[in-house]
Amino acid sequence: MRISVLQTNVKWAQPKANQETANQLISKAAHSDLYVLPEMWTTGFAVKPQDIESEDGIYDSLQWMIRAAQAGHCAICGSVLAKTGKGEYRNRLYFVKSDGTYLHYDKHHLFTYGGEDKFYTAGSERAVVEYMGVRFLLQVCYDLRFPLWQRNDEDYDAIIFTANWPASRQNVWQVLLRARAIENQCYVIGANRVGKDPVCTYIGRSTIIDAKGKTLVQARGDMEQSITTDIDLEELLHFRSKFPVLKDRDKFKLY
């Protein structure tokens, strides 16, 4: 499977402009099977969603993802600001398949340090989606710091982390992504943004890592760009069979 991470410079509360940026990056990385965008890629990390929800197009991101996936015969994944029928705000990660069907995951670990928990409702369930034979665990940003939430119960082959991870904690981003890949014997796809929002500066370093902790591809510099590589499911399954670490994992339930 060919995967491209789209490392964008998210324009604050401008979904149409951010959609156009995604279109441009997709066209430069044509023929990938899956495209992964950063956290809240159409608005920026809006801790106070009520401040921007009057902007045009805030809530039509899913429809754009469906159209783009169908047109490109590919899957598209990224988190967006969502509002439920009950009026709850969610940091919602969508995985849209090439036929327009989709699955979502609501961010479980809200970023209390930044006040995200004051306005958003946390998700309570993990989500695994299968596409082209590969099983992906969906995760959002701050979730990365909580390994029990990602512990591989032999139910997935790759983790997608979509993030707005700031430059000040960049070393943590790189170390934890590699750790999650090694401890769960899986591929890890980390999609981070670049640029600035009202609070933070971001320098990207989006990356794709294999189950041995080897970096397959990583974005360089702090520029908007796409990175692309292939992942090999047969190679992963052979490694797990030869070195079956997951068979010795501790058995427990979180909830």
C-alpha atoms as a PDB file:
ATOM      1  CA  MET A   1       0.000   0.000   0.000  1.00  0.00           C
ATOM      2  CA  ARG A   2       1.251   3.461  -0.885  1.00  0.00           C
ATOM      3  CA  ILE A   3       0.687   6.110   1.791  1.00  0.00           C
ATOM      4  CA  SER A   4       1.168   9.874   1.571  1.00  0.00           C
ATOM      5  CA  VAL A   5       1.168  12.231   4.544  1.00  0.00           C
ATOM      6  CA  LEU A   6       0.096  15.781   3.690  1.00  0.00           C
ATOM      7  CA  GLN A   7       1.961  18.166   5.977  1.00  0.00           C
ATOM      8  CA  THR A   8      -0.009  21.392   5.644  1.00  0.00           C
ATOM      9  CA  ASN A   9       0.343  24.949   6.883  1.00  0.00           C
ATOM     10  CA  VAL A  10      -3.177  25.215   8.241  1.00  0.00           C
ATOM     11  CA  LYS A  11      -4.824  28.597   7.681  1.00  0.00           C
ATOM     12  CA  TRP A  12      -6.796  29.597  10.762  1.00  0.00           C
ATOM     13  CA  ALA A  13     -10.576  29.065  10.357  1.00  0.00           C
ATOM     14  CA  GLN A  14     -10.355  28.986   6.550  1.00  0.00           C
ATOM     15  CA  PRO A  15     -11.679  25.558   5.520  1.00  0.00           C
ATOM     16  CA  LYS A  16     -11.980  26.367   1.814  1.00  0.00           C
ATOM     17  CA  ALA A  17      -8.368  27.515   1.594  1.00  0.00           C
ATOM     18  CA  ASN A  18      -7.176  24.458   3.526  1.00  0.00           C
ATOM     19  CA  GLN A  19      -9.158  22.153   1.257  1.00  0.00           C
ATOM     20  CA  GLU A  20      -7.504  23.736  -1.774  1.00  0.00           C
ATOM     21  CA  THR A  21      -4.081  23.212  -0.193  1.00  0.00           C
ATOM     22  CA  ALA A  22      -4.922  19.545   0.345  1.00  0.00           C
ATOM     23  CA  ASN A  23      -6.013  19.265  -3.299  1.00  0.00           C
ATOM     24  CA  GLN A  24      -2.696  20.687  -4.462  1.00  0.00           C
ATOM     25  CA  LEU A  25      -0.634  18.344  -2.282  1.00  0.00           C
ATOM     26  CA  ILE A  26      -2.675  15.332  -3.388  1.00  0.00           C
ATOM     27  CA  SER A  27      -2.046  16.218  -7.033  1.00  0.00           C
ATOM     28  CA  LYS A  28       1.705  16.355  -6.353  1.00  0.00           C
ATOM     29  CA  ALA A  29       1.607  12.911  -4.705  1.00  0.00           C
ATOM     30  CA  ALA A  30      -0.692  11.235  -7.188  1.00  0.00           C
ATOM     31  CA  HIS A  31      -1.589   7.545  -7.152  1.00  0.00           C
ATOM     32  CA  SER A  32      -1.287   6.943  -3.423  1.00  0.00           C
ATOM     33  CA  ASP A  33      -3.790   4.592  -1.818  1.00  0.00           C
ATOM     34  CA  LEU A  34      -4.148   6.616   1.386  1.00  0.00           C
ATOM     35  CA  TYR A  35      -3.647  10.299   2.183  1.00  0.00           C
ATOM     36  CA  VAL A  36      -3.331  11.417   5.818  1.00  0.00           C
ATOM     37  CA  LEU A  37      -3.893  15.011   6.948  1.00  0.00           C
ATOM     38  CA  PRO A  38      -3.073  16.708  10.283  1.00  0.00           C
ATOM     39  CA  GLU A  39      -5.380  17.228  13.247  1.00  0.00           C
ATOM     40  CA  MET A  40      -8.160  19.788  12.614  1.00  0.00           C
ATOM     41  CA  TRP A  41      -6.679  20.315   9.175  1.00  0.00           C
ATOM     42  CA  THR A  42      -9.465  22.610   7.943  1.00  0.00           C
ATOM     43  CA  THR A  43      -9.520  25.089  10.844  1.00  0.00           C
ATOM     44  CA  GLY A  44      -6.467  24.773  13.043  1.00  0.00           C
ATOM     45  CA  PHE A  45      -6.604  23.543  16.642  1.00  0.00           C
ATOM     46  CA  ALA A  46      -9.606  25.572  17.762  1.00  0.00           C
ATOM     47  CA  VAL A  47      -9.785  25.065  21.523  1.00  0.00           C
ATOM     48  CA  LYS A  48     -12.820  27.380  21.648  1.00  0.00           C
ATOM     49  CA  PRO A  49     -14.872  26.152  18.689  1.00  0.00           C
ATOM     50  CA  GLN A  50     -17.689  28.634  19.266  1.00  0.00           C
ATOM     51  CA  ASP A  51     -15.284  31.429  18.306  1.00  0.00           C
ATOM     52  CA  ILE A  52     -14.979  30.184  14.717  1.00  0.00           C
ATOM     53  CA  GLU A  53     -18.048  28.078  13.980  1.00  0.00           C
ATOM     54  CA  SER A  54     -19.815  30.968  12.239  1.00  0.00           C
ATOM     55  CA  GLU A  55     -17.203  30.854   9.468  1.00  0.00           C
ATOM     56  CA  ASP A  56     -18.469  29.445   6.174  1.00  0.00           C
ATOM     57  CA  GLY A  57     -17.706  25.806   5.532  1.00  0.00           C
ATOM     58  CA  ILE A  58     -16.562  24.846   9.040  1.00  0.00           C
ATOM     59  CA  TYR A  59     -18.697  21.723   9.097  1.00  0.00           C
ATOM     60  CA  ASP A  60     -18.551  20.573   5.456  1.00  0.00           C
ATOM     61  CA  SER A  61     -15.104  18.982   5.718  1.00  0.00           C
ATOM     62  CA  LEU A  62     -16.455  15.434   5.650  1.00  0.00           C
ATOM     63  CA  GLN A  63     -18.246  16.074   2.356  1.00  0.00           C
ATOM     64  CA  TRP A  64     -15.017  17.358   0.841  1.00  0.00           C
ATOM     65  CA  MET A  65     -13.204  14.226   2.037  1.00  0.00           C
ATOM     66  CA  ILE A  66     -15.866  11.974   0.519  1.00  0.00           C
ATOM     67  CA  ARG A  67     -15.700  13.755  -2.848  1.00  0.00           C
ATOM     68  CA  ALA A  68     -11.898  13.716  -2.889  1.00  0.00           C
ATOM     69  CA  ALA A  69     -11.709  10.019  -1.973  1.00  0.00           C
ATOM     70  CA  GLN A  70     -14.190   9.026  -4.663  1.00  0.00           C
ATOM     71  CA  ALA A  71     -12.548  11.197  -7.311  1.00  0.00           C
ATOM     72  CA  GLY A  72      -9.064   9.926  -6.499  1.00  0.00           C
ATOM     73  CA  HIS A  73     -10.032   6.290  -5.931  1.00  0.00           C
ATOM     74  CA  CYS A  74      -8.196   6.487  -2.624  1.00  0.00           C
ATOM     75  CA  ALA A  75      -8.757   6.779   1.122  1.00  0.00           C
ATOM     76  CA  ILE A  76      -8.407  10.072   3.012  1.00  0.00           C
ATOM     77  CA  CYS A  77      -7.915  10.462   6.753  1.00  0.00           C
ATOM     78  CA  GLY A  78      -7.808  13.548   8.944  1.00  0.00           C
ATOM     79  CA  SER A  79      -9.404  15.056  12.035  1.00  0.00           C
ATOM     80  CA  VAL A  80     -11.868  17.940  11.950  1.00  0.00           C
ATOM     81  CA  LEU A  81     -13.981  20.062  14.245  1.00  0.00           C
ATOM     82  CA  ALA A  82     -17.368  18.308  14.423  1.00  0.00           C
ATOM     83  CA  LYS A  83     -20.629  19.171  16.142  1.00  0.00           C
ATOM     84  CA  THR A  84     -23.083  16.429  16.990  1.00  0.00           C
ATOM     85  CA  GLY A  85     -26.874  16.545  16.861  1.00  0.00           C
ATOM     86  CA  LYS A  86     -26.792  16.958  20.642  1.00  0.00           C
ATOM     87  CA  GLY A  87     -24.712  20.115  20.305  1.00  0.00           C
ATOM     88  CA  GLU A  88     -21.487  18.484  21.528  1.00  0.00           C
ATOM     89  CA  TYR A  89     -18.172  19.456  19.971  1.00  0.00           C
ATOM     90  CA  ARG A  90     -15.896  16.587  19.001  1.00  0.00           C
ATOM     91  CA  ASN A  91     -12.335  16.402  17.708  1.00  0.00           C
ATOM     92  CA  ARG A  92     -13.306  13.776  15.162  1.00  0.00           C
ATOM     93  CA  LEU A  93     -10.918  11.758  13.013  1.00  0.00           C
ATOM     94  CA  TYR A  94     -12.525  10.496   9.797  1.00  0.00           C
ATOM     95  CA  PHE A  95     -11.223   7.666   7.642  1.00  0.00           C
ATOM     96  CA  VAL A  96     -13.003   7.905   4.305  1.00  0.00           C
ATOM     97  CA  LYS A  97     -12.673   5.004   1.878  1.00  0.00           C
ATOM     98  CA  SER A  98     -12.581   5.226  -1.904  1.00  0.00           C
ATOM     99  CA  ASP A  99     -16.250   4.259  -2.197  1.00  0.00           C
ATOM    100  CA  GLY A 100     -17.299   7.161   0.021  1.00  0.00           C
ATOM    101  CA  THR A 101     -18.041   5.104   3.118  1.00  0.00           C
ATOM    102  CA  TYR A 102     -16.305   6.141   6.309  1.00  0.00           C
ATOM    103  CA  LEU A 103     -15.586   5.408   9.947  1.00  0.00           C
ATOM    104  CA  HIS A 104     -14.730   7.914  12.649  1.00  0.00           C
ATOM    105  CA  TYR A 105     -12.867   8.080  15.940  1.00  0.00           C
ATOM    106  CA  ASP A 106     -13.431  10.788  18.552  1.00  0.00           C
ATOM    107  CA  LYS A 107     -10.271  11.901  20.350  1.00  0.00           C
ATOM    108  CA  HIS A 108     -10.179  10.169  23.720  1.00  0.00           C
ATOM    109  CA  HIS A 109      -7.436  12.080  25.531  1.00  0.00           C
ATOM    110  CA  LEU A 110      -8.422  15.724  25.348  1.00  0.00           C
ATOM    111  CA  PHE A 111      -5.566  18.198  25.840  1.00  0.00           C
ATOM    112  CA  THR A 112      -6.458  19.552  29.278  1.00  0.00           C
ATOM    113  CA  TYR A 113      -3.243  21.601  29.450  1.00  0.00           C
ATOM    114  CA  GLY A 114      -4.628  23.676  26.569  1.00  0.00           C
ATOM    115  CA  GLY A 115      -8.249  23.671  27.740  1.00  0.00           C
ATOM    116  CA  GLU A 116      -9.625  21.328  25.087  1.00  0.00           C
ATOM    117  CA  ASP A 117     -11.590  19.428  27.743  1.00  0.00           C
ATOM    118  CA  LYS A 118     -13.595  22.551  28.620  1.00  0.00           C
ATOM    119  CA  PHE A 119     -15.346  22.666  25.253  1.00  0.00           C
ATOM    120  CA  TYR A 120     -15.066  19.208  23.692  1.00  0.00           C
ATOM    121  CA  THR A 121     -16.535  15.846  24.616  1.00  0.00           C
ATOM    122  CA  ALA A 122     -14.064  12.958  24.701  1.00  0.00           C
ATOM    123  CA  GLY A 123     -14.602   9.757  22.780  1.00  0.00           C
ATOM    124  CA  SER A 124     -14.860   6.525  24.750  1.00  0.00           C
ATOM    125  CA  GLU A 125     -14.078   3.833  22.171  1.00  0.00           C
ATOM    126  CA  ARG A 126     -11.113   2.865  20.053  1.00  0.00           C
ATOM    127  CA  ALA A 127     -11.645   2.587  16.315  1.00  0.00           C
ATOM    128  CA  VAL A 128      -9.945   0.214  13.873  1.00  0.00           C
ATOM    129  CA  VAL A 129     -10.693   0.456  10.163  1.00  0.00           C
ATOM    130  CA  GLU A 130      -9.603  -2.030   7.479  1.00  0.00           C
ATOM    131  CA  TYR A 131      -8.634  -0.796   4.039  1.00  0.00           C
ATOM    132  CA  MET A 132      -6.956  -2.817   1.280  1.00  0.00           C
ATOM    133  CA  GLY A 133      -6.309  -5.581   3.803  1.00  0.00           C
ATOM    134  CA  VAL A 134      -4.478  -3.319   6.281  1.00  0.00           C
ATOM    135  CA  ARG A 135      -6.032  -2.601   9.689  1.00  0.00           C
ATOM    136  CA  PHE A 136      -5.516   0.944  10.970  1.00  0.00           C
ATOM    137  CA  LEU A 137      -5.952   2.133  14.557  1.00  0.00           C
ATOM    138  CA  LEU A 138      -7.097   5.766  14.542  1.00  0.00           C
ATOM    139  CA  GLN A 139      -5.603   8.189  17.074  1.00  0.00           C
ATOM    140  CA  VAL A 140      -5.378  11.961  17.549  1.00  0.00           C
ATOM    141  CA  CYS A 141      -2.402  13.990  18.810  1.00  0.00           C
ATOM    142  CA  TYR A 142      -2.370  13.909  22.656  1.00  0.00           C
ATOM    143  CA  ASP A 143      -3.434  10.243  22.552  1.00  0.00           C
ATOM    144  CA  LEU A 144       0.183   9.529  21.595  1.00  0.00           C
ATOM    145  CA  ARG A 145       1.293  10.011  25.207  1.00  0.00           C
ATOM    146  CA  PHE A 146      -0.903   7.182  26.531  1.00  0.00           C
ATOM    147  CA  PRO A 147       0.441   3.794  25.386  1.00  0.00           C
ATOM    148  CA  LEU A 148      -2.176   1.668  27.137  1.00  0.00           C
ATOM    149  CA  TRP A 149      -4.828   3.219  24.900  1.00  0.00           C
ATOM    150  CA  GLN A 150      -2.908   2.046  21.827  1.00  0.00           C
ATOM    151  CA  ARG A 151      -1.813  -1.384  23.095  1.00  0.00           C
ATOM    152  CA  ASN A 152      -1.989  -3.793  20.192  1.00  0.00           C
ATOM    153  CA  ASP A 153      -4.336  -6.689  20.928  1.00  0.00           C
ATOM    154  CA  GLU A 154      -3.286  -8.146  17.575  1.00  0.00           C
ATOM    155  CA  ASP A 155      -6.233  -6.274  16.109  1.00  0.00           C
ATOM    156  CA  TYR A 156      -4.362  -3.765  13.915  1.00  0.00           C
ATOM    157  CA  ASP A 157      -1.331  -3.402  11.639  1.00  0.00           C
ATOM    158  CA  ALA A 158      -0.712   0.345  11.681  1.00  0.00           C
ATOM    159  CA  ILE A 159      -1.501   3.379  13.830  1.00  0.00           C
ATOM    160  CA  ILE A 160      -2.434   6.737  12.349  1.00  0.00           C
ATOM    161  CA  PHE A 161      -1.622   9.739  14.553  1.00  0.00           C
ATOM    162  CA  THR A 162      -3.000  12.993  13.171  1.00  0.00           C
ATOM    163  CA  ALA A 163      -1.652  15.950  15.131  1.00  0.00           C
ATOM    164  CA  ASN A 164      -0.978  19.610  15.823  1.00  0.00           C
ATOM    165  CA  TRP A 165       2.219  18.894  17.761  1.00  0.00           C
ATOM    166  CA  PRO A 166       4.140  22.089  18.633  1.00  0.00           C
ATOM    167  CA  ALA A 167       7.782  22.789  17.907  1.00  0.00           C
ATOM    168  CA  SER A 168       8.563  23.145  21.625  1.00  0.00           C
ATOM    169  CA  ARG A 169       7.816  19.432  22.146  1.00  0.00           C
ATOM    170  CA  GLN A 170       9.133  18.124  18.843  1.00  0.00           C
ATOM    171  CA  ASN A 171      11.619  15.678  20.396  1.00  0.00           C
ATOM    172  CA  VAL A 172       8.788  14.013  22.322  1.00  0.00           C
ATOM    173  CA  TRP A 173       6.820  13.598  19.080  1.00  0.00           C
ATOM    174  CA  GLN A 174       9.651  11.769  17.377  1.00  0.00           C
ATOM    175  CA  VAL A 175      10.542   9.548  20.342  1.00  0.00           C
ATOM    176  CA  LEU A 176       6.977   8.486  21.128  1.00  0.00           C
ATOM    177  CA  LEU A 177       6.086   7.685  17.520  1.00  0.00           C
ATOM    178  CA  ARG A 178       9.048   5.334  17.327  1.00  0.00           C
ATOM    179  CA  ALA A 179       8.199   3.787  20.696  1.00  0.00           C
ATOM    180  CA  ARG A 180       4.597   3.092  19.668  1.00  0.00           C
ATOM    181  CA  ALA A 181       5.812   1.347  16.508  1.00  0.00           C
ATOM    182  CA  ILE A 182       8.300  -0.878  18.334  1.00  0.00           C
ATOM    183  CA  GLU A 183       6.140  -1.858  21.303  1.00  0.00           C
ATOM    184  CA  ASN A 184       3.103  -2.647  19.143  1.00  0.00           C
ATOM    185  CA  GLN A 185       4.982  -4.250  16.227  1.00  0.00           C
ATOM    186  CA  CYS A 186       3.198  -2.073  13.722  1.00  0.00           C
ATOM    187  CA  TYR A 187       3.651   0.705  11.208  1.00  0.00           C
ATOM    188  CA  VAL A 188       3.113   4.216  12.557  1.00  0.00           C
ATOM    189  CA  ILE A 189       1.969   7.136  10.420  1.00  0.00           C
ATOM    190  CA  GLY A 190       2.395  10.553  12.055  1.00  0.00           C
ATOM    191  CA  ALA A 191       0.815  13.537  10.289  1.00  0.00           C
ATOM    192  CA  ASN A 192       1.743  16.901  11.809  1.00  0.00           C
ATOM    193  CA  ARG A 193       1.246  20.463  10.589  1.00  0.00           C
ATOM    194  CA  VAL A 194       3.592  23.405  10.052  1.00  0.00           C
ATOM    195  CA  GLY A 195       3.123  27.142  10.515  1.00  0.00           C
ATOM    196  CA  LYS A 196       1.539  29.063  13.372  1.00  0.00           C
ATOM    197  CA  ASP A 197      -1.822  29.420  15.090  1.00  0.00           C
ATOM    198  CA  PRO A 198      -2.800  31.955  17.792  1.00  0.00           C
ATOM    199  CA  VAL A 199      -0.931  29.922  20.429  1.00  0.00           C
ATOM    200  CA  CYS A 200       1.821  27.717  18.972  1.00  0.00           C
ATOM    201  CA  THR A 201       4.422  27.290  16.257  1.00  0.00           C
ATOM    202  CA  TYR A 202       4.658  23.950  14.433  1.00  0.00           C
ATOM    203  CA  ILE A 203       7.574  22.464  12.492  1.00  0.00           C
ATOM    204  CA  GLY A 204       5.983  19.290  11.174  1.00  0.00           C
ATOM    205  CA  ARG A 205       8.416  16.364  11.048  1.00  0.00           C
ATOM    206  CA  SER A 206       5.630  14.145   9.778  1.00  0.00           C
ATOM    207  CA  THR A 207       6.876  10.599   9.431  1.00  0.00           C
ATOM    208  CA  ILE A 208       6.146   6.971   8.652  1.00  0.00           C
ATOM    209  CA  ILE A 209       7.944   4.330  10.746  1.00  0.00           C
ATOM    210  CA  ASP A 210       8.090   0.549  10.451  1.00  0.00           C
ATOM    211  CA  ALA A 211       7.591  -2.046  13.188  1.00  0.00           C
ATOM    212  CA  LYS A 212      11.318  -2.159  13.991  1.00  0.00           C
ATOM    213  CA  GLY A 213      11.407   1.582  14.651  1.00  0.00           C
ATOM    214  CA  LYS A 214      13.059   2.441  11.329  1.00  0.00           C
ATOM    215  CA  THR A 215      12.035   5.727   9.756  1.00  0.00           C
ATOM    216  CA  LEU A 216      10.837   4.967   6.240  1.00  0.00           C
ATOM    217  CA  VAL A 217      10.256   8.595   5.299  1.00  0.00           C
ATOM    218  CA  GLN A 218      10.185  11.909   7.176  1.00  0.00           C
ATOM    219  CA  ALA A 219       9.361  15.458   6.179  1.00  0.00           C
ATOM    220  CA  ARG A 220      12.353  17.784   6.243  1.00  0.00           C
ATOM    221  CA  GLY A 221      12.291  21.361   7.396  1.00  0.00           C
ATOM    222  CA  ASP A 222       9.209  23.262   8.409  1.00  0.00           C
ATOM    223  CA  MET A 223       7.687  23.560   4.948  1.00  0.00           C
ATOM    224  CA  GLU A 224       4.346  22.469   3.574  1.00  0.00           C
ATOM    225  CA  GLN A 225       4.930  19.208   1.704  1.00  0.00           C
ATOM    226  CA  SER A 226       3.853  15.646   1.118  1.00  0.00           C
ATOM    227  CA  ILE A 227       5.857  12.533   1.984  1.00  0.00           C
ATOM    228  CA  THR A 228       5.184   9.141   0.449  1.00  0.00           C
ATOM    229  CA  THR A 229       6.268   5.551   1.014  1.00  0.00           C
ATOM    230  CA  ASP A 230       5.000   2.000   0.650  1.00  0.00           C
ATOM    231  CA  ILE A 231       4.156  -0.291   3.538  1.00  0.00           C
ATOM    232  CA  ASP A 232       4.309  -4.063   3.148  1.00  0.00           C
ATOM    233  CA  LEU A 233       1.781  -6.108   5.109  1.00  0.00           C
ATOM    234  CA  GLU A 234       3.397  -9.434   4.249  1.00  0.00           C
ATOM    235  CA  GLU A 235       6.737  -8.193   5.527  1.00  0.00           C
ATOM    236  CA  LEU A 236       5.094  -7.048   8.768  1.00  0.00           C
ATOM    237  CA  LEU A 237       3.325 -10.377   9.321  1.00  0.00           C
ATOM    238  CA  HIS A 238       6.555 -12.263   8.643  1.00  0.00           C
ATOM    239  CA  PHE A 239       8.378 -10.159  11.251  1.00  0.00           C
ATOM    240  CA  ARG A 240       5.645 -10.776  13.824  1.00  0.00           C
ATOM    241  CA  SER A 241       5.724 -14.502  13.112  1.00  0.00           C
ATOM    242  CA  LYS A 242       9.516 -14.681  13.373  1.00  0.00           C
ATOM    243  CA  PHE A 243       9.674 -12.535  16.525  1.00  0.00           C
ATOM    244  CA  PRO A 244       6.248 -12.887  18.234  1.00  0.00           C
ATOM    245  CA  VAL A 245       6.549 -10.221  20.925  1.00  0.00           C
ATOM    246  CA  LEU A 246       2.818  -9.517  20.973  1.00  0.00           C
ATOM    247  CA  LYS A 247       2.096 -13.066  22.104  1.00  0.00           C
ATOM    248  CA  ASP A 248       3.761 -12.226  25.424  1.00  0.00           C
ATOM    249  CA  ARG A 249       1.880  -8.994  26.046  1.00  0.00           C
ATOM    250  CA  ASP A 250       0.055  -8.444  29.326  1.00  0.00           C
ATOM    251  CA  LYS A 251      -3.640  -9.209  29.083  1.00  0.00           C
ATOM    252  CA  PHE A 252      -5.929  -6.590  30.610  1.00  0.00           C
ATOM    253  CA  LYS A 253      -8.900  -4.408  29.796  1.00  0.00           C
ATOM    254  CA  LEU A 254      -8.852  -0.637  30.159  1.00  0.00           C
ATOM    255  CA  TYR A 255     -12.582  -0.209  30.653  1.00  0.00           C
END
